[in-house]
Structure formats: structure tokens, C-alpha cells
Amino acid sequence: MSVNMICTHGAVMPKRNTPLDSGLDLCAKGFRYVSKYDGLIEKWFDEIDTTKEDRKWFDTNWFELHPNERVLIKTGIQIQLPEPSVPTAYGRYIIEAQVRCRSGLALKEGIMVVNGIGTIDNQYRNDVGVILYNSGKFAFTIKDGDRIAQLVFNTVWVPNEITLVEKFEEGNNDRGMDGFGSSGVK
């Protein structure tokens, strides 16, 4: 199986840092941000006019993410995932792509992917975006080409149907209804 990619706005094809890494590095190529002063700002770093004398903060090839702010970082990457498997009586497998945090950014800077793991559905074809959140104490600068997340491919089982029932069938279930730390820490 192969994944087809299109790179726009000067993006380079994502790659693994070492051959056995699970994730491909995603790099920043632009941003979409909602400013309380300027409304929606959407910029590709390669389309910014750096010759203007009256540049605002968003007319540069970097973005400053302040503590407790979030931004959609544009990657310039579009992907075409392999077709789903042939359906069976119970369902089928599909390939999804997942956008995940870079562990170093999360630990050192507090920069995280907002929705934990961002899911890219099998038939999505537009730009892969990464929603980043700054949980740190200081502003974090994202520059054109910075590695900001990882792209991981995963197989997902999709059932043919989901059935609404009044009660679950009895079976071997030691856990029951317990959850949310009920098993303790040790």
C-alpha cells in the first residue's frame, strides 16, 4: 500500500527522522488564527509580502503562540490514503492518518495538539492542518519549516452498523460499570 501526497506552498514531503520512527514530521507552512482585534487571519508563509513598510505582526514568516492560545498551523501537505478494504458481513478496515504531538515540544515548551490526536479521515483531500495549543508559561515562535507535529498511519475497524439496545447481553465482564480511576494507582 502507498499513500499519495501533494506538497503545496513550498512544503517538503514529510519524512521520518530515522527509518524505524512511527511518525513522519509535519512542518509549518502557514497559519489560520482568530484575533480578537483583527478577526480571522489566514496566511501562507510563502505568500507574505515582506517588503511592506507597515507590516503587522501577522505579515511575517513566523507566528507567535502565546500561553493559553491555540492556532491552526497549515502544513501545505495533502494526502490520499489507500482505499478501504472490501466490506464483510461485519464491517471493513480503513486507513486513517493521525496527527500527534512531538514529545520534545510537549515536554520542553508545553506545545500540544489540542484534540489529543487529530484524525484525518480516509477521504479527506485538503491541507493537513494541526491545531496547536500553548500550555506553557512563555510565548512560542513557530517559523516557516519548523517541525510541529507527527503524522502516523493507522488501521481502523468500521462496523457495518451500530445497534441501539436496551441492555447489554450478560457475559464475562469483571470490570462492570467501574471506570475513571476505580482500579487505583498501584
N, C-alpha and C. Protein backbone atom coordinates (compact mmCIF):
# COMPACT_ATOMS: atom_id res chain seq x y z
N MET A 1 0.84 -1.19 0.00
CA MET A 1 0.00 0.00 0.00
C MET A 1 0.88 1.24 0.00
N SER A 2 0.40 2.25 -0.65
CA SER A 2 1.14 3.51 -0.63
C SER A 2 0.18 4.66 -0.35
N VAL A 3 0.74 5.74 0.14
CA VAL A 3 0.00 6.97 0.39
C VAL A 3 0.50 8.00 -0.60
N ASN A 4 -0.41 8.63 -1.32
CA ASN A 4 -0.04 9.68 -2.27
C ASN A 4 -0.07 11.03 -1.56
N MET A 5 0.88 11.89 -1.86
CA MET A 5 0.95 13.22 -1.25
C MET A 5 1.15 14.29 -2.31
N ILE A 6 0.58 15.45 -2.04
CA ILE A 6 0.82 16.66 -2.83
C ILE A 6 1.41 17.68 -1.87
N CYS A 7 2.48 18.33 -2.27
CA CYS A 7 3.09 19.38 -1.45
C CYS A 7 2.85 20.73 -2.11
N THR A 8 2.26 21.66 -1.38
CA THR A 8 1.99 23.00 -1.89
C THR A 8 2.72 24.03 -1.03
N HIS A 9 2.80 25.24 -1.51
CA HIS A 9 3.36 26.38 -0.77
C HIS A 9 4.77 26.12 -0.27
N GLY A 10 5.56 25.41 -1.06
CA GLY A 10 6.95 25.18 -0.70
C GLY A 10 7.16 24.09 0.34
N ALA A 11 6.11 23.35 0.66
CA ALA A 11 6.24 22.27 1.64
C ALA A 11 7.11 21.16 1.06
N VAL A 12 7.83 20.50 1.93
CA VAL A 12 8.60 19.32 1.52
C VAL A 12 7.87 18.09 2.03
N MET A 13 8.06 16.98 1.33
CA MET A 13 7.39 15.75 1.72
C MET A 13 7.80 15.37 3.14
N PRO A 14 6.81 15.08 4.00
CA PRO A 14 7.15 14.68 5.37
C PRO A 14 8.02 13.44 5.37
N LYS A 15 8.92 13.35 6.34
CA LYS A 15 9.80 12.19 6.40
C LYS A 15 10.03 11.79 7.85
N ARG A 16 10.50 10.56 7.98
CA ARG A 16 10.88 10.04 9.29
C ARG A 16 12.31 10.52 9.60
N ASN A 17 12.56 10.79 10.85
CA ASN A 17 13.90 11.21 11.26
C ASN A 17 14.87 10.02 11.18
N THR A 18 14.39 8.83 11.56
CA THR A 18 15.17 7.60 11.42
C THR A 18 14.25 6.58 10.75
N PRO A 19 14.80 5.57 10.09
CA PRO A 19 13.97 4.62 9.33
C PRO A 19 12.89 3.91 10.14
N LEU A 20 13.08 3.71 11.45
CA LEU A 20 12.10 2.98 12.25
C LEU A 20 11.16 3.88 13.06
N ASP A 21 11.21 5.18 12.84
CA ASP A 21 10.25 6.08 13.51
C ASP A 21 8.84 5.78 13.02
N SER A 22 7.87 5.85 13.92
CA SER A 22 6.47 5.63 13.54
C SER A 22 5.90 6.81 12.79
N GLY A 23 6.29 8.02 13.18
CA GLY A 23 5.69 9.22 12.63
C GLY A 23 6.56 9.93 11.61
N LEU A 24 5.88 10.57 10.67
CA LEU A 24 6.53 11.47 9.71
C LEU A 24 6.44 12.88 10.28
N ASP A 25 7.51 13.65 10.19
CA ASP A 25 7.49 15.02 10.70
C ASP A 25 6.67 15.93 9.81
N LEU A 26 5.77 16.69 10.41
CA LEU A 26 4.99 17.71 9.71
C LEU A 26 5.59 19.08 10.03
N CYS A 27 5.73 19.90 9.01
CA CYS A 27 6.34 21.22 9.17
C CYS A 27 5.33 22.34 8.93
N ALA A 28 5.55 23.46 9.59
CA ALA A 28 4.69 24.63 9.45
C ALA A 28 4.92 25.33 8.12
N LYS A 29 3.82 25.66 7.41
CA LYS A 29 3.89 26.41 6.16
C LYS A 29 2.94 27.61 6.15
N GLY A 30 2.18 27.79 7.22
CA GLY A 30 1.24 28.90 7.31
C GLY A 30 0.40 28.74 8.56
N PHE A 31 -0.62 29.61 8.70
CA PHE A 31 -1.47 29.53 9.88
C PHE A 31 -2.84 30.13 9.62
N ARG A 32 -3.79 29.73 10.44
CA ARG A 32 -5.12 30.33 10.48
C ARG A 32 -5.36 30.65 11.96
N TYR A 33 -5.67 31.91 12.23
CA TYR A 33 -5.76 32.36 13.62
C TYR A 33 -6.92 33.35 13.72
N VAL A 34 -7.65 33.28 14.82
CA VAL A 34 -8.71 34.25 15.07
C VAL A 34 -8.22 35.22 16.14
N SER A 35 -7.99 36.45 15.72
CA SER A 35 -7.52 37.50 16.62
C SER A 35 -8.71 38.30 17.13
N LYS A 36 -8.70 38.62 18.41
CA LYS A 36 -9.80 39.42 18.94
C LYS A 36 -9.79 40.83 18.37
N TYR A 37 -8.68 41.24 17.78
CA TYR A 37 -8.58 42.57 17.21
C TYR A 37 -8.80 42.58 15.69
N ASP A 38 -8.27 41.57 15.02
CA ASP A 38 -8.26 41.57 13.56
C ASP A 38 -9.17 40.53 12.92
N GLY A 39 -9.87 39.73 13.72
CA GLY A 39 -10.74 38.68 13.17
C GLY A 39 -9.92 37.52 12.64
N LEU A 40 -10.44 36.87 11.60
CA LEU A 40 -9.78 35.70 11.02
C LEU A 40 -8.59 36.14 10.18
N ILE A 41 -7.43 35.56 10.51
CA ILE A 41 -6.21 35.82 9.77
C ILE A 41 -5.74 34.48 9.23
N GLU A 42 -5.57 34.40 7.92
CA GLU A 42 -5.11 33.17 7.31
C GLU A 42 -3.97 33.51 6.37
N LYS A 43 -2.79 32.94 6.60
CA LYS A 43 -1.61 33.27 5.82
C LYS A 43 -0.82 32.02 5.49
N TRP A 44 -0.31 31.98 4.28
CA TRP A 44 0.73 31.03 3.90
C TRP A 44 2.03 31.79 4.01
N PHE A 45 3.04 31.20 4.61
CA PHE A 45 4.31 31.91 4.79
C PHE A 45 4.93 32.32 3.46
N ASP A 46 4.73 31.53 2.39
CA ASP A 46 5.35 31.88 1.10
C ASP A 46 4.57 32.96 0.34
N GLU A 47 3.43 33.39 0.85
CA GLU A 47 2.64 34.43 0.18
C GLU A 47 2.69 35.77 0.90
N ILE A 48 3.51 35.86 1.92
CA ILE A 48 3.57 37.09 2.71
C ILE A 48 4.48 38.10 2.03
N ASP A 49 4.01 39.33 1.94
CA ASP A 49 4.78 40.40 1.32
C ASP A 49 5.66 41.04 2.39
N THR A 50 6.92 40.63 2.44
CA THR A 50 7.83 41.14 3.47
C THR A 50 8.44 42.49 3.09
N THR A 51 8.04 43.05 1.95
CA THR A 51 8.58 44.35 1.55
C THR A 51 7.73 45.50 2.07
N LYS A 52 6.54 45.19 2.61
CA LYS A 52 5.66 46.26 3.08
C LYS A 52 6.27 46.98 4.28
N GLU A 53 6.17 48.29 4.27
CA GLU A 53 6.69 49.10 5.38
C GLU A 53 5.78 49.01 6.60
N ASP A 54 4.47 48.88 6.40
CA ASP A 54 3.52 48.92 7.51
C ASP A 54 3.06 47.51 7.91
N ARG A 55 4.01 46.55 7.96
CA ARG A 55 3.65 45.18 8.30
C ARG A 55 3.05 45.11 9.70
N LYS A 56 2.01 44.31 9.82
CA LYS A 56 1.50 43.98 11.15
C LYS A 56 2.21 42.72 11.61
N TRP A 57 1.99 42.31 12.83
CA TRP A 57 2.66 41.13 13.38
C TRP A 57 2.37 39.88 12.58
N PHE A 58 1.23 39.82 11.87
CA PHE A 58 0.89 38.61 11.13
C PHE A 58 1.39 38.65 9.69
N ASP A 59 2.13 39.66 9.31
CA ASP A 59 2.68 39.74 7.95
C ASP A 59 4.14 39.33 7.91
N THR A 60 4.50 38.33 8.71
CA THR A 60 5.86 37.82 8.74
C THR A 60 5.82 36.32 8.49
N ASN A 61 6.99 35.72 8.33
CA ASN A 61 7.02 34.29 8.07
C ASN A 61 7.20 33.49 9.36
N TRP A 62 6.61 33.98 10.41
CA TRP A 62 6.57 33.27 11.69
C TRP A 62 5.27 33.62 12.41
N PHE A 63 4.94 32.85 13.42
CA PHE A 63 3.76 33.10 14.23
C PHE A 63 4.14 32.90 15.68
N GLU A 64 3.70 33.80 16.55
CA GLU A 64 3.99 33.69 17.97
C GLU A 64 2.74 33.21 18.70
N LEU A 65 2.83 32.02 19.29
CA LEU A 65 1.71 31.42 20.01
C LEU A 65 1.91 31.68 21.50
N HIS A 66 1.02 32.49 22.06
CA HIS A 66 1.13 32.89 23.46
C HIS A 66 0.52 31.85 24.38
N PRO A 67 0.87 31.87 25.67
CA PRO A 67 0.29 30.90 26.61
C PRO A 67 -1.23 30.92 26.57
N ASN A 68 -1.83 29.74 26.62
CA ASN A 68 -3.28 29.53 26.61
C ASN A 68 -3.94 29.95 25.30
N GLU A 69 -3.19 30.06 24.23
CA GLU A 69 -3.74 30.32 22.90
C GLU A 69 -3.64 29.07 22.06
N ARG A 70 -4.45 29.01 21.02
CA ARG A 70 -4.39 27.92 20.06
C ARG A 70 -4.43 28.49 18.65
N VAL A 71 -3.87 27.73 17.72
CA VAL A 71 -3.78 28.17 16.33
C VAL A 71 -3.84 26.95 15.42
N LEU A 72 -4.40 27.12 14.24
CA LEU A 72 -4.37 26.07 13.22
C LEU A 72 -3.14 26.33 12.36
N ILE A 73 -2.17 25.43 12.43
CA ILE A 73 -0.98 25.54 11.60
C ILE A 73 -1.22 24.78 10.31
N LYS A 74 -0.96 25.42 9.19
CA LYS A 74 -1.13 24.81 7.88
C LYS A 74 0.20 24.17 7.47
N THR A 75 0.12 22.97 6.87
CA THR A 75 1.34 22.23 6.53
C THR A 75 1.68 22.26 5.04
N GLY A 76 0.71 22.58 4.19
CA GLY A 76 0.95 22.53 2.76
C GLY A 76 0.97 21.10 2.21
N ILE A 77 0.54 20.15 3.02
CA ILE A 77 0.55 18.74 2.63
C ILE A 77 -0.89 18.28 2.43
N GLN A 78 -1.15 17.61 1.33
CA GLN A 78 -2.43 16.95 1.08
C GLN A 78 -2.13 15.47 0.88
N ILE A 79 -3.00 14.60 1.43
CA ILE A 79 -2.73 13.17 1.33
C ILE A 79 -3.92 12.43 0.73
N GLN A 80 -3.61 11.34 0.07
CA GLN A 80 -4.63 10.42 -0.44
C GLN A 80 -4.30 9.06 0.14
N LEU A 81 -5.16 8.61 1.06
CA LEU A 81 -4.94 7.34 1.74
C LEU A 81 -5.45 6.18 0.89
N PRO A 82 -4.95 4.96 1.12
CA PRO A 82 -5.42 3.80 0.37
C PRO A 82 -6.92 3.57 0.56
N GLU A 83 -7.55 2.97 -0.43
CA GLU A 83 -8.98 2.66 -0.37
C GLU A 83 -9.26 1.70 0.78
N PRO A 84 -10.46 1.78 1.38
CA PRO A 84 -10.83 0.84 2.44
C PRO A 84 -10.85 -0.59 1.91
N SER A 85 -10.75 -1.54 2.85
CA SER A 85 -10.81 -2.95 2.47
C SER A 85 -12.21 -3.30 1.97
N VAL A 86 -12.33 -4.45 1.37
CA VAL A 86 -13.63 -4.92 0.88
C VAL A 86 -14.52 -5.19 2.09
N PRO A 87 -15.76 -4.69 2.07
CA PRO A 87 -16.65 -4.90 3.22
C PRO A 87 -16.95 -6.39 3.42
N THR A 88 -17.08 -6.78 4.67
CA THR A 88 -17.51 -8.13 5.02
C THR A 88 -18.90 -8.02 5.64
N ALA A 89 -19.40 -9.12 6.16
CA ALA A 89 -20.71 -9.10 6.82
C ALA A 89 -20.68 -8.25 8.08
N TYR A 90 -19.49 -8.02 8.64
CA TYR A 90 -19.39 -7.31 9.92
C TYR A 90 -18.86 -5.88 9.79
N GLY A 91 -18.15 -5.60 8.74
CA GLY A 91 -17.56 -4.27 8.58
C GLY A 91 -16.34 -4.34 7.69
N ARG A 92 -15.49 -3.32 7.78
CA ARG A 92 -14.26 -3.31 6.98
C ARG A 92 -13.20 -2.46 7.66
N TYR A 93 -11.98 -2.61 7.18
CA TYR A 93 -10.88 -1.83 7.68
C TYR A 93 -10.65 -0.62 6.78
N ILE A 94 -10.33 0.50 7.40
CA ILE A 94 -9.93 1.68 6.65
C ILE A 94 -8.60 2.17 7.20
N ILE A 95 -7.89 2.93 6.39
CA ILE A 95 -6.65 3.56 6.85
C ILE A 95 -6.98 5.01 7.18
N GLU A 96 -6.54 5.45 8.33
CA GLU A 96 -6.66 6.85 8.71
C GLU A 96 -5.26 7.39 8.96
N ALA A 97 -5.11 8.69 8.94
CA ALA A 97 -3.86 9.32 9.36
C ALA A 97 -4.15 10.05 10.67
N GLN A 98 -3.19 10.03 11.56
CA GLN A 98 -3.33 10.70 12.84
C GLN A 98 -2.24 11.76 12.99
N VAL A 99 -2.63 12.93 13.47
CA VAL A 99 -1.67 13.99 13.77
C VAL A 99 -1.43 13.93 15.28
N ARG A 100 -0.18 13.80 15.65
CA ARG A 100 0.18 13.65 17.06
C ARG A 100 1.22 14.69 17.47
N CYS A 101 1.29 14.92 18.78
CA CYS A 101 2.28 15.85 19.34
C CYS A 101 3.69 15.36 19.07
N ARG A 102 4.61 16.28 19.02
CA ARG A 102 6.03 15.94 19.09
C ARG A 102 6.38 15.97 20.57
N SER A 103 6.92 14.89 21.08
CA SER A 103 7.14 14.76 22.52
C SER A 103 8.07 15.83 23.07
N GLY A 104 9.10 16.20 22.30
CA GLY A 104 10.02 17.23 22.77
C GLY A 104 9.35 18.59 22.93
N LEU A 105 8.50 18.96 21.98
CA LEU A 105 7.77 20.23 22.08
C LEU A 105 6.81 20.22 23.27
N ALA A 106 6.16 19.08 23.48
CA ALA A 106 5.21 18.98 24.60
C ALA A 106 5.95 19.10 25.94
N LEU A 107 7.05 18.38 26.08
CA LEU A 107 7.79 18.40 27.35
C LEU A 107 8.50 19.72 27.59
N LYS A 108 9.24 20.20 26.60
CA LYS A 108 10.09 21.38 26.80
C LYS A 108 9.33 22.70 26.72
N GLU A 109 8.32 22.77 25.85
CA GLU A 109 7.65 24.05 25.58
C GLU A 109 6.17 24.07 25.97
N GLY A 110 5.58 22.91 26.23
CA GLY A 110 4.14 22.84 26.54
C GLY A 110 3.27 22.97 25.30
N ILE A 111 3.83 22.67 24.12
CA ILE A 111 3.08 22.79 22.86
C ILE A 111 2.45 21.43 22.55
N MET A 112 1.13 21.43 22.45
CA MET A 112 0.39 20.18 22.27
C MET A 112 -0.60 20.29 21.12
N VAL A 113 -0.94 19.13 20.56
CA VAL A 113 -2.04 19.07 19.59
C VAL A 113 -3.31 19.13 20.43
N VAL A 114 -4.17 20.12 20.16
CA VAL A 114 -5.33 20.40 21.01
C VAL A 114 -6.25 19.21 21.19
N ASN A 115 -6.60 18.54 20.11
CA ASN A 115 -7.57 17.46 20.22
C ASN A 115 -6.89 16.12 20.52
N GLY A 116 -5.74 16.15 21.19
CA GLY A 116 -5.04 14.92 21.56
C GLY A 116 -4.41 14.27 20.36
N ILE A 117 -5.20 13.59 19.60
CA ILE A 117 -4.78 13.04 18.31
C ILE A 117 -5.76 13.55 17.28
N GLY A 118 -5.26 14.24 16.29
CA GLY A 118 -6.13 14.73 15.22
C GLY A 118 -6.32 13.64 14.18
N THR A 119 -7.56 13.33 13.85
CA THR A 119 -7.86 12.29 12.87
C THR A 119 -8.04 12.90 11.49
N ILE A 120 -7.37 12.31 10.51
CA ILE A 120 -7.57 12.68 9.12
C ILE A 120 -8.30 11.52 8.48
N ASP A 121 -9.55 11.74 8.14
CA ASP A 121 -10.38 10.68 7.58
C ASP A 121 -9.87 10.22 6.23
N ASN A 122 -10.24 9.00 5.88
CA ASN A 122 -9.75 8.34 4.68
C ASN A 122 -9.98 9.14 3.40
N GLN A 123 -11.08 9.85 3.29
CA GLN A 123 -11.38 10.53 2.03
C GLN A 123 -11.11 12.04 2.07
N TYR A 124 -10.50 12.55 3.15
CA TYR A 124 -10.15 13.96 3.22
C TYR A 124 -9.00 14.25 2.26
N ARG A 125 -9.10 15.32 1.49
CA ARG A 125 -8.08 15.62 0.49
C ARG A 125 -7.48 17.02 0.60
N ASN A 126 -7.95 17.84 1.52
CA ASN A 126 -7.45 19.21 1.62
C ASN A 126 -6.18 19.25 2.47
N ASP A 127 -5.68 20.46 2.73
CA ASP A 127 -4.46 20.64 3.51
C ASP A 127 -4.57 20.01 4.88
N VAL A 128 -3.52 19.31 5.29
CA VAL A 128 -3.45 18.75 6.64
C VAL A 128 -3.13 19.90 7.59
N GLY A 129 -4.05 20.17 8.50
CA GLY A 129 -3.86 21.23 9.49
C GLY A 129 -3.59 20.64 10.85
N VAL A 130 -2.86 21.37 11.68
CA VAL A 130 -2.51 20.93 13.02
C VAL A 130 -2.95 22.01 14.00
N ILE A 131 -3.86 21.67 14.90
CA ILE A 131 -4.31 22.64 15.91
C ILE A 131 -3.37 22.53 17.11
N LEU A 132 -2.57 23.57 17.30
CA LEU A 132 -1.61 23.59 18.41
C LEU A 132 -2.10 24.47 19.54
N TYR A 133 -1.75 24.08 20.75
CA TYR A 133 -2.11 24.82 21.97
C TYR A 133 -0.85 25.02 22.79
N ASN A 134 -0.68 26.22 23.33
CA ASN A 134 0.47 26.52 24.18
C ASN A 134 0.04 26.44 25.63
N SER A 135 0.39 25.34 26.31
CA SER A 135 0.08 25.18 27.72
C SER A 135 1.24 25.64 28.60
N GLY A 136 2.29 26.18 27.97
CA GLY A 136 3.47 26.63 28.71
C GLY A 136 3.29 28.01 29.30
N LYS A 137 4.37 28.52 29.87
CA LYS A 137 4.35 29.84 30.53
C LYS A 137 4.85 30.96 29.64
N PHE A 138 5.43 30.62 28.48
CA PHE A 138 6.04 31.63 27.62
C PHE A 138 5.52 31.50 26.19
N ALA A 139 5.61 32.58 25.45
CA ALA A 139 5.23 32.56 24.03
C ALA A 139 6.17 31.62 23.29
N PHE A 140 5.63 30.98 22.27
CA PHE A 140 6.41 30.05 21.46
C PHE A 140 6.33 30.49 20.00
N THR A 141 7.48 30.66 19.36
CA THR A 141 7.53 31.12 17.98
C THR A 141 7.55 29.93 17.04
N ILE A 142 6.63 29.93 16.07
CA ILE A 142 6.56 28.89 15.04
C ILE A 142 6.99 29.54 13.73
N LYS A 143 8.08 29.03 13.17
CA LYS A 143 8.63 29.60 11.93
C LYS A 143 8.33 28.70 10.75
N ASP A 144 8.41 29.28 9.57
CA ASP A 144 8.25 28.55 8.33
C ASP A 144 9.22 27.36 8.30
N GLY A 145 8.69 26.15 8.14
CA GLY A 145 9.52 24.96 8.05
C GLY A 145 9.79 24.26 9.37
N ASP A 146 9.37 24.85 10.51
CA ASP A 146 9.57 24.19 11.80
C ASP A 146 8.77 22.89 11.87
N ARG A 147 9.37 21.86 12.47
CA ARG A 147 8.67 20.60 12.69
C ARG A 147 7.74 20.79 13.89
N ILE A 148 6.43 20.63 13.65
CA ILE A 148 5.46 20.97 14.70
C ILE A 148 4.60 19.79 15.14
N ALA A 149 4.61 18.68 14.42
CA ALA A 149 3.78 17.53 14.79
C ALA A 149 4.27 16.31 14.01
N GLN A 150 3.63 15.18 14.27
CA GLN A 150 3.94 13.93 13.57
C GLN A 150 2.69 13.42 12.88
N LEU A 151 2.88 12.75 11.77
CA LEU A 151 1.80 12.11 11.03
C LEU A 151 2.02 10.60 11.11
N VAL A 152 1.02 9.89 11.65
CA VAL A 152 1.09 8.44 11.84
C VAL A 152 -0.10 7.82 11.13
N PHE A 153 0.11 6.68 10.50
CA PHE A 153 -0.96 5.97 9.79
C PHE A 153 -1.43 4.80 10.64
N ASN A 154 -2.74 4.57 10.60
CA ASN A 154 -3.33 3.56 11.47
C ASN A 154 -4.48 2.86 10.75
N THR A 155 -4.72 1.61 11.11
CA THR A 155 -5.85 0.86 10.58
C THR A 155 -6.99 0.94 11.59
N VAL A 156 -8.20 1.21 11.09
CA VAL A 156 -9.38 1.35 11.95
C VAL A 156 -10.46 0.39 11.47
N TRP A 157 -11.09 -0.31 12.40
CA TRP A 157 -12.21 -1.20 12.07
C TRP A 157 -13.49 -0.37 12.08
N VAL A 158 -14.25 -0.42 11.00
CA VAL A 158 -15.50 0.31 10.89
C VAL A 158 -16.63 -0.71 10.75
N PRO A 159 -17.51 -0.81 11.76
CA PRO A 159 -18.60 -1.79 11.67
C PRO A 159 -19.63 -1.35 10.62
N ASN A 160 -20.33 -2.32 10.06
CA ASN A 160 -21.38 -2.01 9.08
C ASN A 160 -22.55 -1.30 9.73
N GLU A 161 -22.83 -1.65 10.98
CA GLU A 161 -23.95 -0.99 11.66
C GLU A 161 -23.68 -0.90 13.14
N ILE A 162 -24.33 0.04 13.77
CA ILE A 162 -24.30 0.20 15.22
C ILE A 162 -25.74 0.06 15.68
N THR A 163 -25.96 -0.85 16.62
CA THR A 163 -27.31 -1.19 17.05
C THR A 163 -27.60 -0.60 18.42
N LEU A 164 -28.73 0.05 18.54
CA LEU A 164 -29.19 0.57 19.82
C LEU A 164 -29.91 -0.55 20.56
N VAL A 165 -29.48 -0.83 21.80
CA VAL A 165 -30.09 -1.88 22.61
C VAL A 165 -30.52 -1.29 23.94
N GLU A 166 -31.45 -1.95 24.61
CA GLU A 166 -31.91 -1.51 25.94
C GLU A 166 -30.91 -1.90 27.02
N LYS A 167 -30.27 -3.07 26.84
CA LYS A 167 -29.41 -3.62 27.88
C LYS A 167 -28.36 -4.49 27.19
N PHE A 168 -27.15 -4.52 27.75
CA PHE A 168 -26.11 -5.37 27.20
C PHE A 168 -26.35 -6.82 27.58
N GLU A 169 -25.93 -7.71 26.69
CA GLU A 169 -26.03 -9.13 26.99
C GLU A 169 -25.10 -9.46 28.14
N GLU A 170 -25.51 -10.43 28.97
CA GLU A 170 -24.66 -10.87 30.07
C GLU A 170 -23.46 -11.60 29.48
N GLY A 171 -22.33 -11.44 30.10
CA GLY A 171 -21.13 -12.10 29.62
C GLY A 171 -20.02 -11.96 30.64
N ASN A 172 -18.84 -12.35 30.26
CA ASN A 172 -17.70 -12.29 31.15
C ASN A 172 -17.18 -10.86 31.19
N ASN A 173 -17.54 -10.14 32.25
CA ASN A 173 -17.13 -8.75 32.37
C ASN A 173 -16.78 -8.47 33.83
N ASP A 174 -15.52 -8.59 34.16
CA ASP A 174 -15.08 -8.35 35.53
C ASP A 174 -15.11 -6.88 35.90
N ARG A 175 -15.02 -6.03 34.93
CA ARG A 175 -14.93 -4.60 35.21
C ARG A 175 -16.29 -3.99 35.56
N GLY A 176 -17.34 -4.45 34.91
CA GLY A 176 -18.65 -3.89 35.20
C GLY A 176 -18.75 -2.44 34.76
N MET A 177 -19.35 -1.61 35.61
CA MET A 177 -19.57 -0.21 35.29
C MET A 177 -18.49 0.70 35.87
N ASP A 178 -17.47 0.14 36.51
CA ASP A 178 -16.43 0.96 37.13
C ASP A 178 -15.53 1.58 36.08
N GLY A 179 -14.99 2.74 36.39
CA GLY A 179 -14.08 3.42 35.49
C GLY A 179 -13.48 4.64 36.18
N PHE A 180 -12.80 5.47 35.44
CA PHE A 180 -12.25 6.74 35.92
C PHE A 180 -11.40 6.57 37.17
N GLY A 181 -10.43 5.67 37.11
CA GLY A 181 -9.50 5.51 38.22
C GLY A 181 -9.96 4.53 39.28
N SER A 182 -11.02 3.78 39.04
CA SER A 182 -11.55 2.87 40.06
C SER A 182 -10.60 1.74 40.41
N SER A 183 -9.64 1.43 39.56
CA SER A 183 -8.71 0.35 39.85
C SER A 183 -7.50 0.84 40.65
N GLY A 184 -7.43 2.13 40.94
CA GLY A 184 -6.35 2.65 41.77
C GLY A 184 -5.11 2.99 41.00
N VAL A 185 -4.07 3.35 41.75
CA VAL A 185 -2.81 3.76 41.15
C VAL A 185 -1.76 2.66 41.23
N LYS A 186 -1.86 1.83 42.25
CA LYS A 186 -0.85 0.78 42.47
C LYS A 186 -1.47 -0.58 42.44
